[in-house]
Protein backbone atom coordinates (compact mmCIF):
# COMPACT_ATOMS: atom_id res chain seq x y z
CA TRP A 1 -0.08 0.10 0.07
CA TYR A 2 0.86 3.66 -0.58
CA VAL A 3 0.42 6.73 0.81
CA TYR A 4 0.49 9.90 -2.14
CA ILE A 5 0.10 13.51 -2.34
CA LEU A 6 -1.67 14.93 -5.79
CA GLU A 7 -1.00 18.42 -6.53
CA CYS A 8 -4.01 20.13 -8.29
CA LYS A 9 -4.45 22.35 -11.32
CA ASN A 10 -5.29 25.34 -8.36
CA LYS A 11 -1.86 24.32 -6.56
CA ASP A 12 -3.86 22.64 -3.55
CA LEU A 13 -2.21 19.39 -2.21
CA TYR A 14 -4.07 16.14 -2.06
CA THR A 15 -3.48 13.06 0.08
CA GLY A 16 -4.82 9.68 -0.22
CA ILE A 17 -3.92 5.91 0.06
CA THR A 18 -4.03 3.28 -2.86
CA ASN A 19 -2.32 -0.17 -3.81
CA ASP A 20 -1.89 0.67 -7.49
CA LEU A 21 -0.13 4.29 -8.16
CA GLU A 22 -0.30 4.15 -11.58
CA ARG A 23 -4.17 3.03 -11.55
CA ARG A 24 -4.94 5.62 -9.02
CA LEU A 25 -3.45 8.54 -10.49
CA LYS A 26 -4.91 7.94 -13.90
CA GLU A 27 -8.39 7.69 -12.02
CA HIS A 28 -8.05 11.18 -10.33
CA GLN A 29 -7.20 12.85 -13.61
CA ARG A 30 -10.24 11.35 -15.44
CA GLY A 31 -12.06 12.52 -12.66
CA LYS A 32 -13.06 9.65 -11.04
CA GLY A 33 -11.19 9.41 -7.76
CA GLY A 34 -13.41 11.43 -5.47
CA LYS A 35 -15.07 14.77 -4.82
CA PHE A 36 -11.72 16.83 -4.24
CA THR A 37 -9.97 15.75 -7.33
CA LYS A 38 -12.82 16.00 -9.71
CA SER A 39 -13.39 19.59 -8.36
CA PHE A 40 -9.75 20.95 -8.21
CA LYS A 41 -8.31 18.69 -11.59
CA VAL A 42 -4.94 16.59 -10.35
CA ASP A 43 -2.24 18.07 -12.26
CA LYS A 44 0.65 15.46 -10.87
CA MET A 45 1.99 13.22 -8.44
CA LEU A 46 4.28 14.74 -6.11
CA PHE A 47 5.26 11.92 -3.54
CA SER A 48 4.34 8.45 -2.37
CA GLU A 49 5.66 6.16 0.54
CA PRO A 50 5.03 2.56 1.05
CA HIS A 51 3.23 1.13 3.26
CA PRO A 52 3.11 -3.02 4.32
CA ASN A 53 -0.51 -3.03 4.50
CA LYS A 54 -3.63 -0.95 4.09
CA SER A 55 -4.01 -0.14 8.18
CA GLN A 56 -0.60 1.73 8.19
CA ALA A 57 -0.86 3.41 5.46
CA ALA A 58 -4.44 4.59 6.45
CA LYS A 59 -2.72 5.79 9.97
CA ARG A 60 0.05 7.86 8.16
CA GLU A 61 -2.52 9.23 5.77
CA SER A 62 -4.65 10.67 8.74
CA GLN A 63 -1.45 11.91 10.02
CA ILE A 64 -0.38 13.65 6.85
CA LYS A 65 -3.93 15.10 5.98
CA ARG A 66 -3.73 16.74 9.48
CA TRP A 67 -0.55 18.57 8.85
CA SER A 68 0.18 22.00 7.23
CA ARG A 69 0.58 22.62 3.71
CA GLU A 70 4.40 23.76 4.68
CA LYS A 71 4.98 20.55 6.37
CA LYS A 72 3.71 18.88 3.61
CA LEU A 73 5.95 20.32 1.27
CA ARG A 74 9.09 19.73 3.63
CA LEU A 75 7.64 16.13 3.74
CA ILE A 76 7.98 16.35 -0.52
CA GLY A 77 11.65 18.12 -0.65
CA LEU A 78 10.03 21.23 -1.41
CA PRO A 79 10.16 24.61 -0.35
CA PRO A 80 7.05 26.35 1.23
CA LYS A 81 7.46 28.82 -1.80
CA SER A 82 7.47 26.70 -4.63
CA CYS A 83 4.10 25.64 -4.93
């Protein structure tokens, strides 16, 4: 399983989990990935992190979703000003 962070066309960040990164990104790009990404259109995947099972991935997703945008960008390795 993976935790991933997407950047939407409006520069918002979206965090989710999946067991197939390529499929999930395509779903988001086609507007099939969820209400948020359907509304704001996905630009690209910025980050992914492997986990041994769905439970651990979901816990990490929950943790990251509580973080500020700046902290997420630091995790990704981007300076806060770049996005």
